[in-house]
N, C-alpha and C. Protein backbone atom coordinates (compact mmCIF):
# COMPACT_ATOMS: atom_id res chain seq x y z
N HIS A 1 -22.05 -1.80 -60.69
CA HIS A 1 -22.94 -2.62 -60.72
C HIS A 1 -22.58 -3.30 -61.98
N LEU A 2 -23.17 -4.65 -61.59
CA LEU A 2 -22.82 -5.40 -62.90
C LEU A 2 -23.99 -5.58 -63.91
N SER A 3 -24.13 -5.51 -65.03
CA SER A 3 -24.97 -5.71 -66.03
C SER A 3 -25.71 -7.11 -66.10
N ILE A 4 -26.91 -7.18 -66.57
CA ILE A 4 -27.48 -8.35 -66.45
C ILE A 4 -26.58 -9.55 -67.01
N GLN A 5 -25.70 -9.15 -68.03
CA GLN A 5 -24.92 -9.93 -68.90
C GLN A 5 -23.82 -10.63 -67.92
N GLN A 6 -23.64 -9.73 -66.96
CA GLN A 6 -22.41 -10.19 -66.12
C GLN A 6 -22.79 -10.78 -64.80
N LYS A 7 -24.10 -11.32 -64.65
CA LYS A 7 -24.47 -11.82 -63.39
C LYS A 7 -23.74 -13.04 -62.86
N LEU A 8 -23.72 -12.99 -61.67
CA LEU A 8 -22.66 -13.95 -61.13
C LEU A 8 -23.52 -15.08 -60.63
N SER A 9 -22.60 -16.09 -60.80
CA SER A 9 -23.26 -17.61 -60.60
C SER A 9 -23.29 -17.49 -58.88
N PRO A 10 -24.07 -18.55 -58.12
CA PRO A 10 -24.12 -18.59 -57.22
C PRO A 10 -23.13 -19.08 -56.20
N GLU A 11 -22.20 -19.72 -57.03
CA GLU A 11 -20.93 -19.94 -56.31
C GLU A 11 -20.18 -18.92 -56.30
N GLU A 12 -19.95 -18.08 -57.26
CA GLU A 12 -19.27 -16.80 -56.96
C GLU A 12 -19.72 -15.96 -56.02
N ILE A 13 -21.10 -15.70 -55.86
CA ILE A 13 -21.70 -14.91 -55.02
C ILE A 13 -21.38 -15.43 -53.50
N LEU A 14 -21.62 -16.72 -53.15
CA LEU A 14 -21.18 -17.26 -51.95
C LEU A 14 -19.71 -17.21 -51.68
N LYS A 15 -18.90 -17.17 -52.83
CA LYS A 15 -17.34 -16.95 -52.33
C LYS A 15 -17.22 -15.47 -51.91
N ARG A 16 -18.19 -14.64 -52.84
CA ARG A 16 -17.76 -13.06 -52.44
C ARG A 16 -18.27 -13.03 -50.95
N CYS A 17 -19.33 -13.46 -50.81
CA CYS A 17 -19.96 -13.40 -49.51
C CYS A 17 -19.01 -14.00 -48.10
N GLU A 18 -18.41 -14.97 -48.52
CA GLU A 18 -17.44 -15.71 -47.75
C GLU A 18 -16.41 -15.07 -47.26
N ASP A 19 -15.80 -14.24 -48.57
CA ASP A 19 -14.85 -13.33 -48.44
C ASP A 19 -14.82 -12.20 -47.63
N ARG A 20 -16.15 -11.58 -47.80
CA ARG A 20 -16.45 -10.22 -47.13
C ARG A 20 -16.40 -10.81 -45.65
N GLN A 21 -17.01 -11.79 -45.15
CA GLN A 21 -17.11 -12.45 -43.85
C GLN A 21 -15.83 -12.25 -43.40
N ALA A 22 -14.99 -13.28 -43.93
CA ALA A 22 -13.46 -13.54 -43.82
C ALA A 22 -12.75 -12.25 -43.33
N ASN A 23 -12.94 -11.02 -44.25
CA ASN A 23 -12.40 -9.94 -44.23
C ASN A 23 -12.78 -9.20 -42.99
N ALA A 24 -14.25 -9.09 -42.87
CA ALA A 24 -14.81 -8.54 -41.42
C ALA A 24 -14.02 -9.04 -40.17
N GLN A 25 -13.95 -10.40 -40.31
CA GLN A 25 -13.69 -11.00 -39.34
C GLN A 25 -12.09 -10.70 -38.81
N GLN A 26 -11.48 -10.68 -40.02
CA GLN A 26 -9.97 -10.16 -39.81
C GLN A 26 -9.75 -8.79 -39.20
N ILE A 27 -11.11 -8.13 -39.62
CA ILE A 27 -10.53 -6.68 -39.33
C ILE A 27 -11.04 -6.50 -37.78
N ARG A 28 -12.10 -7.33 -37.33
CA ARG A 28 -12.52 -7.91 -36.07
C ARG A 28 -11.28 -8.08 -35.11
N ASP A 29 -10.64 -9.18 -35.54
CA ASP A 29 -9.68 -9.52 -34.81
C ASP A 29 -8.51 -8.69 -34.62
N GLN A 30 -8.24 -7.88 -35.69
CA GLN A 30 -7.04 -6.75 -35.50
C GLN A 30 -7.50 -5.76 -34.51
N HIS A 31 -8.58 -5.54 -34.44
CA HIS A 31 -9.29 -4.51 -33.66
C HIS A 31 -9.42 -5.01 -32.06
N ASN A 32 -9.62 -6.33 -32.10
CA ASN A 32 -9.52 -7.08 -30.39
C ASN A 32 -8.13 -7.00 -30.28
N GLU A 33 -7.19 -7.45 -31.15
CA GLU A 33 -5.76 -7.69 -30.61
C GLU A 33 -5.30 -5.92 -30.11
N LYS A 34 -5.72 -5.11 -30.96
CA LYS A 34 -5.41 -3.66 -30.78
C LYS A 34 -5.63 -3.48 -29.09
N LYS A 35 -7.26 -3.65 -29.04
CA LYS A 35 -7.36 -3.30 -27.50
C LYS A 35 -6.95 -4.10 -26.64
N VAL A 36 -6.62 -5.40 -26.76
CA VAL A 36 -5.91 -6.09 -25.82
C VAL A 36 -4.37 -5.58 -25.43
N ALA A 37 -3.74 -5.14 -26.75
CA ALA A 37 -2.31 -4.74 -26.39
C ALA A 37 -2.37 -3.16 -25.80
N GLN A 38 -3.49 -2.45 -26.15
CA GLN A 38 -3.62 -1.25 -25.52
C GLN A 38 -3.94 -1.50 -23.89
N GLY A 39 -4.67 -2.48 -23.74
CA GLY A 39 -5.16 -2.70 -22.29
C GLY A 39 -4.06 -3.21 -21.49
N LYS A 40 -3.13 -4.13 -22.15
CA LYS A 40 -1.64 -4.44 -21.45
C LYS A 40 -0.93 -3.30 -21.28
N GLU A 41 -0.78 -2.24 -22.21
CA GLU A 41 0.05 -1.48 -22.02
C GLU A 41 -0.16 -0.45 -21.11
N THR A 42 -1.82 0.01 -20.92
CA THR A 42 -2.40 0.72 -19.65
C THR A 42 -2.25 -0.05 -18.37
N GLU A 43 -2.10 -1.24 -18.51
CA GLU A 43 -1.81 -2.15 -16.95
C GLU A 43 -0.29 -1.97 -16.81
N LYS A 44 0.52 -1.96 -17.57
CA LYS A 44 1.95 -2.19 -17.31
C LYS A 44 2.27 -0.53 -16.82
N ARG A 45 1.86 0.56 -17.49
CA ARG A 45 1.90 1.80 -16.94
C ARG A 45 1.27 2.10 -15.36
N MET A 46 0.35 1.12 -15.10
CA MET A 46 -0.52 1.72 -13.90
C MET A 46 0.37 0.71 -12.87
N GLU A 47 0.89 -0.50 -13.28
CA GLU A 47 1.88 -0.96 -12.22
C GLU A 47 3.15 -0.25 -12.18
N ALA A 48 3.63 0.38 -12.82
CA ALA A 48 4.81 1.22 -12.88
C ALA A 48 4.48 2.18 -12.09
N ALA A 49 3.33 3.00 -12.23
CA ALA A 49 3.09 4.15 -11.34
C ALA A 49 2.87 3.43 -9.99
N ARG A 50 2.49 2.36 -9.70
CA ARG A 50 2.09 1.93 -8.34
C ARG A 50 3.57 1.53 -7.79
N GLU A 51 4.33 0.92 -8.56
CA GLU A 51 5.83 0.78 -8.13
C GLU A 51 6.25 2.08 -7.56
N ARG A 52 6.48 3.11 -8.55
CA ARG A 52 7.05 4.17 -8.08
C ARG A 52 6.31 4.93 -6.95
N ARG A 53 5.13 4.76 -6.61
CA ARG A 53 4.50 5.38 -5.34
C ARG A 53 5.02 4.54 -4.39
N GLU A 54 5.03 3.23 -4.33
CA GLU A 54 5.44 2.45 -3.09
C GLU A 54 6.71 2.85 -2.87
N GLU A 55 7.50 2.94 -3.88
CA GLU A 55 9.21 3.59 -3.64
C GLU A 55 9.25 4.34 -2.91
N LYS A 56 8.58 5.66 -3.36
CA LYS A 56 8.31 6.95 -2.82
C LYS A 56 7.81 7.01 -1.31
N ASP A 57 6.78 6.23 -1.04
CA ASP A 57 6.32 5.99 -0.06
C ASP A 57 7.29 5.32 1.45
N SER A 58 7.99 4.48 0.64
CA SER A 58 9.01 3.61 1.30
C SER A 58 10.25 4.52 1.61
N GLY A 59 10.75 5.09 0.84
CA GLY A 59 11.81 6.23 0.92
C GLY A 59 11.29 7.56 2.03
N ARG A 60 10.28 7.86 1.90
CA ARG A 60 9.30 8.67 2.92
C ARG A 60 9.43 8.25 4.43
N GLN A 61 9.13 6.78 4.57
CA GLN A 61 9.10 6.17 5.60
C GLN A 61 10.22 6.03 6.25
N ASP A 62 11.34 5.71 5.35
CA ASP A 62 12.95 5.46 5.70
C ASP A 62 13.42 6.78 6.18
N ASP A 63 13.10 8.06 5.59
CA ASP A 63 13.30 9.19 5.83
C ASP A 63 12.91 9.76 7.31
N LEU A 64 11.61 9.39 7.56
CA LEU A 64 10.86 9.57 8.77
C LEU A 64 11.63 8.77 10.01
N LEU A 65 11.88 7.66 9.77
CA LEU A 65 12.37 6.61 10.57
C LEU A 65 13.99 7.15 11.08
N ASN A 66 14.53 7.32 10.00
CA ASN A 66 15.79 8.08 10.27
C ASN A 66 15.85 9.44 11.20
N LYS A 67 14.93 10.16 10.76
CA LYS A 67 14.66 11.66 11.41
C LYS A 67 14.48 11.05 12.92
N MET A 68 13.51 10.33 13.08
CA MET A 68 12.93 9.98 14.30
C MET A 68 14.23 9.49 15.47
N GLY A 69 15.09 8.65 14.61
CA GLY A 69 16.25 8.01 15.29
C GLY A 69 17.09 9.13 15.63
N ARG A 70 17.20 9.96 14.76
CA ARG A 70 18.26 11.14 15.06
C ARG A 70 17.63 11.83 16.58
N ALA A 71 16.63 12.09 16.34
CA ALA A 71 15.75 12.84 17.30
C ALA A 71 15.84 12.26 18.72
N ARG A 72 15.61 10.75 18.49
CA ARG A 72 15.83 10.12 19.94
C ARG A 72 17.24 10.16 20.48
N GLN A 73 18.22 10.05 19.49
CA GLN A 73 19.59 10.09 19.89
C GLN A 73 20.08 11.54 20.37
N HIS A 74 19.56 12.58 19.67
CA HIS A 74 19.85 13.84 20.35
C HIS A 74 19.23 14.09 21.66
N TYR A 75 17.91 13.56 21.79
CA TYR A 75 17.17 13.85 23.24
C TYR A 75 17.88 12.95 24.18
N GLN A 76 18.39 11.69 24.05
CA GLN A 76 19.39 10.73 25.08
C GLN A 76 20.64 11.62 25.27
N GLU A 77 21.23 12.01 24.17
CA GLU A 77 22.42 13.12 24.45
C GLU A 77 22.11 14.02 25.42
N GLY A 78 21.06 14.69 25.20
CA GLY A 78 20.63 15.95 26.31
C GLY A 78 20.33 15.35 27.63
N LEU A 79 19.76 14.14 27.84
CA LEU A 79 19.61 14.00 29.23
C LEU A 79 20.87 13.29 29.82
N ARG A 80 22.02 12.91 28.97
CA ARG A 80 23.30 12.25 29.56
C ARG A 80 24.03 13.92 30.09
N ARG A 81 23.78 14.64 28.99
CA ARG A 81 24.40 16.03 29.54
C ARG A 81 23.84 16.39 30.83
N ILE A 82 22.52 16.17 30.95
CA ILE A 82 21.74 17.15 32.26
C ILE A 82 22.14 15.88 33.37
N TRP A 83 22.33 14.72 33.10
CA TRP A 83 22.52 13.87 34.27
C TRP A 83 23.80 14.03 34.56
N GLY A 84 25.09 14.27 33.88
CA GLY A 84 26.24 14.47 34.15
C GLY A 84 26.27 16.00 34.88
N LYS A 85 25.53 16.78 34.50
CA LYS A 85 25.72 17.99 35.32
C LYS A 85 25.23 17.80 36.86
N ALA A 86 24.10 17.11 36.84
CA ALA A 86 23.53 16.95 38.21
C ALA A 86 24.40 16.02 39.05
N HIS A 87 24.91 15.01 38.58
CA HIS A 87 25.95 14.37 39.13
C HIS A 87 27.14 15.15 39.69
N ASP A 88 27.41 15.77 38.83
CA ASP A 88 28.93 16.62 39.12
C ASP A 88 28.42 17.85 40.12
N HIS A 89 27.25 18.45 40.11
CA HIS A 89 26.70 19.25 41.12
C HIS A 89 26.43 18.43 42.51
N ASN A 90 26.03 17.19 42.28
CA ASN A 90 26.15 16.50 43.81
C ASN A 90 27.19 16.21 44.40
N VAL A 91 27.98 15.89 43.51
CA VAL A 91 29.71 15.34 43.93
C VAL A 91 30.05 16.86 44.82
N LYS A 92 29.75 17.88 43.99
CA LYS A 92 30.43 19.25 44.55
C LYS A 92 29.81 19.33 45.85
N THR A 93 28.48 19.29 45.85
CA THR A 93 27.73 19.60 47.00
C THR A 93 28.25 18.49 48.21
N LYS A 94 28.43 17.37 48.10
CA LYS A 94 28.89 16.61 48.92
C LYS A 94 30.18 16.95 49.37
N GLN A 95 31.23 17.22 48.59
CA GLN A 95 32.40 17.72 48.95
C GLN A 95 32.39 19.33 49.82
N VAL A 96 31.52 19.84 49.52
CA VAL A 96 31.32 21.30 50.42
C VAL A 96 30.93 20.62 51.84
N PHE A 97 29.87 20.09 51.70
CA PHE A 97 29.18 19.66 53.20
C PHE A 97 30.42 18.65 53.90
N PHE A 98 31.19 18.02 53.32
CA PHE A 98 32.39 17.45 53.92
C PHE A 98 33.59 18.47 54.56
N LEU A 99 33.78 19.23 53.48
CA LEU A 99 34.87 20.45 53.76
C LEU A 99 34.06 21.35 55.16
N ALA A 100 33.11 21.51 55.01
CA ALA A 100 32.18 22.26 56.40
C ALA A 100 32.54 21.45 57.44
N LYS A 101 32.05 20.21 57.30
CA LYS A 101 32.07 19.32 58.46
C LYS A 101 33.60 19.18 59.11
N GLU A 102 34.52 19.00 58.11
CA GLU A 102 35.90 18.83 58.67
C GLU A 102 36.24 20.04 59.38
N ASN A 103 36.15 21.26 58.64
CA ASN A 103 36.61 22.72 59.11
C ASN A 103 35.73 22.72 60.50
N ALA A 104 34.46 22.38 60.77
CA ALA A 104 33.97 22.84 62.00
C ALA A 104 34.70 21.94 62.95
N LYS A 105 35.10 20.67 62.85
CA LYS A 105 35.84 19.85 63.69
C LYS A 105 37.05 20.76 64.56
N GLY A 106 37.45 21.80 63.76
CA GLY A 106 38.59 22.46 64.28
C GLY A 106 39.94 22.00 64.16
N GLU A 107 40.12 20.96 63.26
CA GLU A 107 41.33 20.24 63.16
C GLU A 107 41.76 20.32 61.75
N PRO A 108 42.23 21.93 61.57
CA PRO A 108 42.56 22.03 60.13
C PRO A 108 43.86 21.46 59.41
N THR A 109 44.73 20.86 60.44
CA THR A 109 46.02 20.19 59.86
C THR A 109 45.65 18.79 59.43
N VAL A 110 44.60 18.23 60.21
CA VAL A 110 44.25 16.87 59.77
C VAL A 110 43.38 17.02 58.36
N PHE A 111 42.59 17.89 58.32
CA PHE A 111 41.95 18.25 57.05
C PHE A 111 42.87 18.48 55.87
N TRP A 112 43.72 19.27 56.23
CA TRP A 112 44.75 19.53 55.21
C TRP A 112 45.41 18.53 54.76
N ALA A 113 46.01 17.56 55.44
CA ALA A 113 46.47 16.26 55.31
C ALA A 113 45.80 15.34 54.44
N LYS A 114 44.60 15.28 54.63
CA LYS A 114 43.70 14.52 54.08
C LYS A 114 43.58 15.10 52.45
N GLN A 115 43.62 16.22 52.37
CA GLN A 115 43.39 17.00 51.08
C GLN A 115 44.46 16.77 50.21
N ILE A 116 45.80 16.99 51.01
CA ILE A 116 47.18 16.61 50.21
C ILE A 116 47.02 15.01 49.82
N HIS A 117 46.56 14.32 50.61
CA HIS A 117 46.97 12.92 50.11
C HIS A 117 45.68 12.44 49.20
N ALA A 118 44.62 13.13 49.25
CA ALA A 118 43.69 12.92 48.00
C ALA A 118 44.29 13.41 46.88
N GLU A 119 44.71 14.54 46.68
CA GLU A 119 45.48 15.12 45.56
C GLU A 119 46.62 14.41 44.76
N SER A 120 47.26 13.66 45.65
CA SER A 120 48.29 12.94 45.41
C SER A 120 47.98 11.49 44.96
N CYS A 121 47.04 10.93 45.19
CA CYS A 121 46.02 9.66 44.87
C CYS A 121 45.46 10.01 43.46
N ARG A 122 44.95 11.24 43.32
CA ARG A 122 44.31 11.57 42.04
C ARG A 122 45.29 11.72 40.92
N SER A 123 46.57 12.28 41.39
CA SER A 123 47.64 12.48 40.31
C SER A 123 48.20 11.21 40.09
N ALA A 124 48.29 10.60 40.81
CA ALA A 124 48.90 8.91 40.58
C ALA A 124 47.85 8.12 39.68
N LEU A 125 46.51 8.27 39.89
CA LEU A 125 45.45 7.65 38.92
C LEU A 125 45.65 8.36 37.49
N GLU A 126 45.80 9.51 37.47
CA GLU A 126 46.00 10.15 35.96
C GLU A 126 46.99 9.72 35.30
N GLU A 127 48.33 9.67 35.97
CA GLU A 127 49.47 8.98 35.34
C GLU A 127 49.37 7.57 35.06
N ILE A 128 48.93 6.75 35.87
CA ILE A 128 48.41 5.39 35.42
C ILE A 128 47.42 5.25 34.27
N ARG A 129 46.38 6.41 34.34
CA ARG A 129 45.67 6.03 33.13
C ARG A 129 46.25 6.44 31.96
N LYS A 130 47.11 7.44 31.99
CA LYS A 130 47.76 8.00 30.69
C LYS A 130 48.79 7.05 30.36
N ALA A 131 49.38 6.10 31.08
CA ALA A 131 50.26 5.28 30.88
C ALA A 131 49.94 3.96 30.02
């Protein structure tokens, strides 16, 4: 405390008051800048977390699409195998009916001649394909 002899002049009082107000304003400004910086930092962290989450979701979706594609391919291969077996079975059935029909005609020599000719044609085709 100041003694009576040390009383301040009105100008000094005004200056001290202005200094205190300026100091208080500076503290408020620093506090506001700190809050803004914290807000920006929080916003950056939230944005980074959102981007990581989106990348993770995108990766999961890509994995799921790849898995579905592989499953579809596996399914199609299975259908092709089944179709091939059914086709082979139908061909063999037709051959059996043909053989039974030819054999029923009672002309085994003609039948065997046709068989030999067909076998030679198949062999010739095989050789052509290999060449």
